[in-house]
Protein backbone atom coordinates (compact mmCIF):
# COMPACT_ATOMS: atom_id res chain seq x y z
CA MET A 1 0.00 0.00 0.00
CA ALA A 2 1.45 3.34 -1.06
CA ILE A 3 1.73 6.34 1.20
CA THR A 4 -0.04 9.41 -0.20
CA PHE A 5 0.50 13.02 0.83
CA PHE A 6 -2.56 14.41 -0.89
CA LYS A 7 -6.02 12.97 -0.76
CA THR A 8 -7.39 12.40 -4.26
CA PRO A 9 -10.98 13.51 -4.72
CA LYS A 10 -13.62 10.90 -5.42
CA ASN A 11 -15.83 11.00 -8.47
CA LYS A 12 -18.93 13.12 -8.18
CA GLN A 13 -22.10 11.10 -7.88
CA PHE A 14 -25.47 12.34 -8.99
CA GLY A 15 -28.85 10.99 -7.99
CA TYR A 16 -30.46 11.67 -11.38
CA LYS A 17 -33.35 9.38 -12.22
CA PRO A 18 -34.59 9.73 -15.81
CA VAL A 19 -38.30 10.24 -16.26
CA TYR A 20 -39.92 8.40 -19.14
CA TYR A 21 -43.30 7.06 -20.13
CA ASP A 22 -43.74 3.32 -20.12
CA ALA A 23 -46.96 2.45 -21.95
CA ARG A 24 -46.96 -1.17 -20.79
CA LYS A 25 -46.56 -0.20 -17.14
CA GLU A 26 -49.37 2.35 -17.43
CA ALA A 27 -51.64 -0.25 -19.04
CA LEU A 28 -50.94 -2.69 -16.20
CA LYS A 29 -51.73 -0.01 -13.63
CA LYS A 30 -54.96 0.85 -15.42
CA LEU A 31 -55.93 -2.83 -15.61
CA SER A 32 -55.14 -3.27 -11.94
CA ARG A 33 -57.22 -0.26 -10.93
CA SER A 34 -60.19 -1.37 -13.05
CA ALA A 35 -60.03 -4.91 -11.65
CA TYR A 36 -59.85 -3.53 -8.11
CA SER A 37 -62.83 -1.24 -8.63
CA GLU A 38 -64.74 -4.07 -10.30
CA ALA A 39 -63.99 -6.35 -7.38
CA GLN A 40 -65.12 -3.71 -4.91
CA GLU A 41 -68.41 -3.25 -6.77
CA GLU A 42 -69.15 -6.97 -6.94
CA ASN A 43 -67.67 -7.79 -3.51
CA THR A 44 -65.47 -10.49 -5.06
CA ASP A 45 -61.84 -11.30 -4.48
CA TYR A 46 -59.62 -8.62 -6.03
CA GLU A 47 -56.69 -10.91 -6.80
CA LYS A 48 -58.91 -13.49 -8.48
CA ALA A 49 -60.53 -10.86 -10.71
CA LEU A 50 -57.14 -9.43 -11.67
CA ARG A 51 -55.71 -12.88 -12.39
CA ASP A 52 -58.68 -13.77 -14.61
CA ARG A 53 -58.44 -10.54 -16.64
CA MET A 54 -54.68 -10.86 -17.09
CA ASN A 55 -55.02 -14.52 -18.06
CA LEU A 56 -57.54 -13.66 -20.78
CA ARG A 57 -55.31 -10.90 -22.12
CA TRP A 58 -52.24 -13.16 -22.11
CA LYS A 59 -54.08 -15.86 -24.05
CA ARG A 60 -55.14 -13.33 -26.67
CA THR A 61 -51.64 -11.97 -27.22
CA ALA A 62 -50.01 -15.42 -27.18
CA HIS A 63 -52.42 -16.64 -29.85
CA SER A 64 -51.80 -13.66 -32.13
CA LYS A 65 -48.01 -14.06 -31.76
CA SER A 66 -48.13 -17.73 -32.70
CA ARG A 67 -50.31 -16.94 -35.72
CA THR A 68 -47.82 -14.29 -36.89
CA ALA A 69 -44.91 -16.71 -36.45
CA ALA A 70 -46.73 -19.40 -38.44
CA ARG A 71 -47.36 -16.99 -41.30
CA GLY A 72 -43.69 -16.01 -41.34
CA ARG A 73 -42.57 -19.65 -41.50
CA LEU A 74 -45.01 -20.37 -44.32
CA LEU A 75 -43.70 -17.40 -46.30
CA ILE A 76 -40.09 -18.54 -45.87
CA ILE A 77 -40.96 -22.10 -46.97
CA LEU A 78 -42.78 -20.81 -50.06
CA VAL A 79 -39.82 -18.60 -51.03
CA ILE A 80 -37.40 -21.51 -50.67
CA LEU A 81 -39.64 -23.80 -52.73
CA PHE A 82 -39.99 -21.15 -55.43
CA LEU A 83 -36.21 -20.74 -55.61
CA LEU A 84 -35.69 -24.51 -55.85
CA VAL A 85 -38.25 -24.81 -58.68
CA TYR A 86 -36.65 -21.87 -60.47
CA ILE A 87 -33.17 -23.42 -60.19
CA VAL A 88 -34.32 -26.86 -61.35
CA PHE A 89 -36.40 -25.78 -64.34
CA PHE A 90 -34.71 -22.62 -65.61
CA THR A 91 -31.02 -23.00 -64.93
CA LEU A 92 -30.37 -26.66 -65.72
């Protein structure tokens, strides 16, 4: 360990927290508030109502994503088949 005569200053630290809008977080908050108010009106369990609504939404988005992926795979297969047919019939 070296002996120092002058104390070196430490780096300045700032407590800056950037402010930004997160649409997904806002949607979750809105969904949570609506489920809570719905549960209060119907006197049902808040967590159960929230879980049911989120489960329905998740199923909808998962289904649409799988459909989009299937269409993409079909398009790629068709392009490959078209290229193979073109190579076999027009270049040989």
